[in-house]
């Protein structure tokens, strides 16, 4: 998508589904962790939701916004923010989702007429401009929807 308004609408549509999943969960479900996989501790539902909120901030401020301003982030900046904290209260998760989207919406509301859509950055994935990074973030959040659905089913079976 090359239309900022269409990208923002898609971001909002996907976020609505994410918040729908979150709304139905208790703190106990958010903190529940599935069994370890290959000796790695699996993330709780709360960690996945925090990951999405943190990723939106990280992507917007450290990759997309600089590109739109004509500033290429160093090659070492990649789409791998720090791991999310465990045990975050649901109201804090909601706060970070709301805060991240408010700031993203403001960026889109004040979309610069001279936004640089030629400058690209790989960020650990493939070369994308600032707007394409937002489209990629939508796919990232949708990917996690499948994971969230599976973990909700698992949590409900085990709790």
C-alpha atoms as a PDB file:
ATOM      1  CA  UNK A   1       0.000   0.000   0.000  1.00  0.00           C
ATOM      2  CA  UNK A   2       1.305   3.425  -0.879  1.00  0.00           C
ATOM      3  CA  UNK A   3      -1.570   5.455   0.563  1.00  0.00           C
ATOM      4  CA  UNK A   4      -0.939   6.541   4.178  1.00  0.00           C
ATOM      5  CA  UNK A   5      -4.670   6.701   4.991  1.00  0.00           C
ATOM      6  CA  UNK A   6      -5.221   3.158   3.700  1.00  0.00           C
ATOM      7  CA  UNK A   7      -2.285   1.899   5.774  1.00  0.00           C
ATOM      8  CA  UNK A   8      -3.624   3.614   8.902  1.00  0.00           C
ATOM      9  CA  UNK A   9      -7.088   2.139   8.287  1.00  0.00           C
ATOM     10  CA  UNK A  10      -5.538  -1.326   7.999  1.00  0.00           C
ATOM     11  CA  UNK A  11      -3.549  -0.746  11.211  1.00  0.00           C
ATOM     12  CA  UNK A  12      -6.783   0.208  12.995  1.00  0.00           C
ATOM     13  CA  UNK A  13      -8.700  -2.786  11.651  1.00  0.00           C
ATOM     14  CA  UNK A  14      -6.066  -5.234  12.848  1.00  0.00           C
ATOM     15  CA  UNK A  15      -5.653  -3.488  16.212  1.00  0.00           C
ATOM     16  CA  UNK A  16      -9.401  -3.765  16.808  1.00  0.00           C
ATOM     17  CA  UNK A  17      -9.072  -7.543  16.554  1.00  0.00           C
ATOM     18  CA  UNK A  18      -6.024  -7.547  18.846  1.00  0.00           C
ATOM     19  CA  UNK A  19      -7.904  -5.555  21.490  1.00  0.00           C
ATOM     20  CA  UNK A  20     -10.891  -7.886  21.111  1.00  0.00           C
ATOM     21  CA  UNK A  21      -8.662 -10.830  22.073  1.00  0.00           C
ATOM     22  CA  UNK A  22      -7.197  -8.893  24.997  1.00  0.00           C
ATOM     23  CA  UNK A  23     -10.582  -7.732  26.312  1.00  0.00           C
ATOM     24  CA  UNK A  24     -11.764 -11.280  26.995  1.00  0.00           C
ATOM     25  CA  UNK A  25      -8.730 -12.322  29.040  1.00  0.00           C
ATOM     26  CA  UNK A  26      -8.218 -12.314  32.790  1.00  0.00           C
ATOM     27  CA  UNK A  27      -4.891 -11.428  34.410  1.00  0.00           C
ATOM     28  CA  UNK A  28      -4.458 -15.120  35.231  1.00  0.00           C
ATOM     29  CA  UNK A  29      -4.796 -16.005  31.535  1.00  0.00           C
ATOM     30  CA  UNK A  30      -2.405 -13.207  30.546  1.00  0.00           C
ATOM     31  CA  UNK A  31       0.228 -14.511  32.984  1.00  0.00           C
ATOM     32  CA  UNK A  32      -0.158 -18.208  32.107  1.00  0.00           C
ATOM     33  CA  UNK A  33       2.797 -19.660  30.220  1.00  0.00           C
ATOM     34  CA  UNK A  34       2.660 -22.681  27.935  1.00  0.00           C
ATOM     35  CA  UNK A  35       5.191 -25.474  28.457  1.00  0.00           C
ATOM     36  CA  UNK A  36       8.762 -24.848  27.306  1.00  0.00           C
ATOM     37  CA  UNK A  37       9.662 -25.492  23.687  1.00  0.00           C
ATOM     38  CA  UNK A  38      13.143 -26.816  22.868  1.00  0.00           C
ATOM     39  CA  UNK A  39      14.403 -25.700  26.310  1.00  0.00           C
ATOM     40  CA  UNK A  40      13.221 -22.137  25.621  1.00  0.00           C
ATOM     41  CA  UNK A  41      10.655 -20.533  27.874  1.00  0.00           C
ATOM     42  CA  UNK A  42       7.567 -19.673  25.826  1.00  0.00           C
ATOM     43  CA  UNK A  43       5.972 -16.240  26.128  1.00  0.00           C
ATOM     44  CA  UNK A  44       2.770 -15.707  28.058  1.00  0.00           C
ATOM     45  CA  UNK A  45      -0.213 -14.051  26.393  1.00  0.00           C
ATOM     46  CA  UNK A  46       0.602 -10.857  28.287  1.00  0.00           C
ATOM     47  CA  UNK A  47       4.140 -10.891  26.902  1.00  0.00           C
ATOM     48  CA  UNK A  48       2.827 -11.289  23.359  1.00  0.00           C
ATOM     49  CA  UNK A  49       0.473  -8.332  23.770  1.00  0.00           C
ATOM     50  CA  UNK A  50       3.267  -6.205  25.267  1.00  0.00           C
ATOM     51  CA  UNK A  51       5.538  -7.305  22.413  1.00  0.00           C
ATOM     52  CA  UNK A  52       3.021  -5.900  19.918  1.00  0.00           C
ATOM     53  CA  UNK A  53       2.709  -2.576  21.745  1.00  0.00           C
ATOM     54  CA  UNK A  54       6.483  -2.238  22.173  1.00  0.00           C
ATOM     55  CA  UNK A  55       7.086  -3.182  18.540  1.00  0.00           C
ATOM     56  CA  UNK A  56       4.772  -0.451  17.290  1.00  0.00           C
ATOM     57  CA  UNK A  57       6.674   2.164  19.279  1.00  0.00           C
ATOM     58  CA  UNK A  58      10.047   0.755  18.260  1.00  0.00           C
ATOM     59  CA  UNK A  59       9.184   0.520  14.584  1.00  0.00           C
ATOM     60  CA  UNK A  60       7.628   3.987  14.437  1.00  0.00           C
ATOM     61  CA  UNK A  61      10.297   5.910  16.323  1.00  0.00           C
ATOM     62  CA  UNK A  62      13.473   4.039  15.414  1.00  0.00           C
ATOM     63  CA  UNK A  63      12.833   2.939  11.837  1.00  0.00           C
ATOM     64  CA  UNK A  64       9.778   4.429  10.066  1.00  0.00           C
ATOM     65  CA  UNK A  65       9.834   8.036  11.295  1.00  0.00           C
ATOM     66  CA  UNK A  66      13.552   8.554  10.569  1.00  0.00           C
ATOM     67  CA  UNK A  67      13.094   7.126   7.069  1.00  0.00           C
ATOM     68  CA  UNK A  68      10.136   9.418   6.408  1.00  0.00           C
ATOM     69  CA  UNK A  69      12.301  12.338   7.568  1.00  0.00           C
ATOM     70  CA  UNK A  70      15.047  11.305   5.140  1.00  0.00           C
ATOM     71  CA  UNK A  71      17.338   9.843   7.815  1.00  0.00           C
ATOM     72  CA  UNK A  72      18.583   6.291   7.333  1.00  0.00           C
ATOM     73  CA  UNK A  73      18.923   4.392  10.622  1.00  0.00           C
ATOM     74  CA  UNK A  74      22.219   2.538  11.119  1.00  0.00           C
ATOM     75  CA  UNK A  75      22.215  -0.945   9.624  1.00  0.00           C
ATOM     76  CA  UNK A  76      22.427  -2.351  13.159  1.00  0.00           C
ATOM     77  CA  UNK A  77      18.936  -1.032  13.978  1.00  0.00           C
ATOM     78  CA  UNK A  78      16.648  -3.965  13.327  1.00  0.00           C
ATOM     79  CA  UNK A  79      13.081  -4.952  14.033  1.00  0.00           C
ATOM     80  CA  UNK A  80      14.014  -6.765  17.230  1.00  0.00           C
ATOM     81  CA  UNK A  81      13.131  -4.652  20.242  1.00  0.00           C
ATOM     82  CA  UNK A  82      13.962  -5.956  23.719  1.00  0.00           C
ATOM     83  CA  UNK A  83      11.884  -8.839  25.076  1.00  0.00           C
ATOM     84  CA  UNK A  84       8.618  -7.812  26.718  1.00  0.00           C
ATOM     85  CA  UNK A  85       8.249  -7.909  30.495  1.00  0.00           C
ATOM     86  CA  UNK A  86       6.393 -10.778  32.154  1.00  0.00           C
ATOM     87  CA  UNK A  87       3.416 -10.186  34.455  1.00  0.00           C
ATOM     88  CA  UNK A  88       2.402  -6.800  33.124  1.00  0.00           C
ATOM     89  CA  UNK A  89      -1.064  -5.863  34.443  1.00  0.00           C
ATOM     90  CA  UNK A  90      -3.803  -5.790  31.823  1.00  0.00           C
ATOM     91  CA  UNK A  91      -4.464  -2.073  32.350  1.00  0.00           C
ATOM     92  CA  UNK A  92      -0.781  -1.340  31.662  1.00  0.00           C
ATOM     93  CA  UNK A  93      -0.910  -3.385  28.457  1.00  0.00           C
ATOM     94  CA  UNK A  94      -3.988  -1.401  27.396  1.00  0.00           C
ATOM     95  CA  UNK A  95      -2.213   1.855  28.238  1.00  0.00           C
ATOM     96  CA  UNK A  96       0.752   0.949  26.002  1.00  0.00           C
ATOM     97  CA  UNK A  97      -1.521  -0.096  23.139  1.00  0.00           C
ATOM     98  CA  UNK A  98      -3.464   3.164  23.405  1.00  0.00           C
ATOM     99  CA  UNK A  99      -0.310   5.258  23.728  1.00  0.00           C
ATOM    100  CA  UNK A 100       1.443   3.553  20.816  1.00  0.00           C
ATOM    101  CA  UNK A 101      -1.564   3.968  18.529  1.00  0.00           C
ATOM    102  CA  UNK A 102      -2.183   7.566  19.579  1.00  0.00           C
ATOM    103  CA  UNK A 103       1.362   8.474  18.574  1.00  0.00           C
ATOM    104  CA  UNK A 104       1.140   6.493  15.336  1.00  0.00           C
ATOM    105  CA  UNK A 105      -2.180   8.176  14.495  1.00  0.00           C
ATOM    106  CA  UNK A 106      -0.646  11.587  15.131  1.00  0.00           C
ATOM    107  CA  UNK A 107       2.173  10.769  12.738  1.00  0.00           C
ATOM    108  CA  UNK A 108      -0.360   9.824  10.076  1.00  0.00           C
ATOM    109  CA  UNK A 109      -2.573  12.848  10.842  1.00  0.00           C
ATOM    110  CA  UNK A 110       0.403  15.146  10.332  1.00  0.00           C
ATOM    111  CA  UNK A 111       1.770  13.176   7.380  1.00  0.00           C
ATOM    112  CA  UNK A 112       4.468  15.369   5.850  1.00  0.00           C
ATOM    113  CA  UNK A 113       3.836  16.379   2.257  1.00  0.00           C
ATOM    114  CA  UNK A 114       7.564  15.847   1.666  1.00  0.00           C
ATOM    115  CA  UNK A 115       7.695  12.394   3.318  1.00  0.00           C
ATOM    116  CA  UNK A 116      10.659  10.492   1.948  1.00  0.00           C
ATOM    117  CA  UNK A 117       9.359   7.268   0.409  1.00  0.00           C
ATOM    118  CA  UNK A 118      12.553   6.552  -1.536  1.00  0.00           C
ATOM    119  CA  UNK A 119      14.859   5.922   1.408  1.00  0.00           C
ATOM    120  CA  UNK A 120      14.727   2.301   2.572  1.00  0.00           C
ATOM    121  CA  UNK A 121      16.098   0.286   5.460  1.00  0.00           C
ATOM    122  CA  UNK A 122      16.338  -3.481   5.908  1.00  0.00           C
ATOM    123  CA  UNK A 123      16.073  -3.608   9.682  1.00  0.00           C
ATOM    124  CA  UNK A 124      16.688  -7.363   9.721  1.00  0.00           C
ATOM    125  CA  UNK A 125      13.957  -8.057   7.169  1.00  0.00           C
ATOM    126  CA  UNK A 126      14.050  -6.629   3.648  1.00  0.00           C
ATOM    127  CA  UNK A 127      14.491  -3.065   2.421  1.00  0.00           C
ATOM    128  CA  UNK A 128      11.329  -1.011   2.992  1.00  0.00           C
ATOM    129  CA  UNK A 129      10.488   2.685   3.127  1.00  0.00           C
ATOM    130  CA  UNK A 130       8.828   4.267   6.174  1.00  0.00           C
ATOM    131  CA  UNK A 131       5.284   3.607   4.992  1.00  0.00           C
ATOM    132  CA  UNK A 132       6.081   0.034   3.955  1.00  0.00           C
ATOM    133  CA  UNK A 133       7.386  -0.592   7.470  1.00  0.00           C
ATOM    134  CA  UNK A 134       3.908   0.193   8.815  1.00  0.00           C
ATOM    135  CA  UNK A 135       2.336  -2.201   6.310  1.00  0.00           C
ATOM    136  CA  UNK A 136       4.820  -4.836   7.429  1.00  0.00           C
ATOM    137  CA  UNK A 137       3.879  -4.191  11.039  1.00  0.00           C
ATOM    138  CA  UNK A 138       0.246  -4.996  10.189  1.00  0.00           C
ATOM    139  CA  UNK A 139       1.359  -8.412   8.901  1.00  0.00           C
ATOM    140  CA  UNK A 140       3.422  -8.900  12.050  1.00  0.00           C
ATOM    141  CA  UNK A 141       0.426  -8.239  14.296  1.00  0.00           C
ATOM    142  CA  UNK A 142      -1.800 -10.526  12.200  1.00  0.00           C
ATOM    143  CA  UNK A 143       0.825 -13.280  12.518  1.00  0.00           C
ATOM    144  CA  UNK A 144       0.592 -13.004  16.293  1.00  0.00           C
ATOM    145  CA  UNK A 145      -3.212 -13.322  16.154  1.00  0.00           C
ATOM    146  CA  UNK A 146      -2.811 -16.998  15.255  1.00  0.00           C
ATOM    147  CA  UNK A 147      -0.428 -17.465  18.162  1.00  0.00           C
ATOM    148  CA  UNK A 148      -2.810 -15.653  20.531  1.00  0.00           C
ATOM    149  CA  UNK A 149      -5.762 -17.806  19.435  1.00  0.00           C
ATOM    150  CA  UNK A 150      -3.779 -21.009  20.046  1.00  0.00           C
ATOM    151  CA  UNK A 151      -2.546 -19.860  23.454  1.00  0.00           C
ATOM    152  CA  UNK A 152      -6.036 -18.842  24.551  1.00  0.00           C
ATOM    153  CA  UNK A 153      -7.256 -22.353  23.737  1.00  0.00           C
ATOM    154  CA  UNK A 154      -4.308 -23.914  25.578  1.00  0.00           C
ATOM    155  CA  UNK A 155      -4.725 -21.672  28.602  1.00  0.00           C
ATOM    156  CA  UNK A 156      -8.429 -22.447  28.822  1.00  0.00           C
ATOM    157  CA  UNK A 157      -7.721 -26.197  28.690  1.00  0.00           C
ATOM    158  CA  UNK A 158      -5.020 -26.076  31.375  1.00  0.00           C
ATOM    159  CA  UNK A 159      -6.557 -23.602  33.808  1.00  0.00           C
END
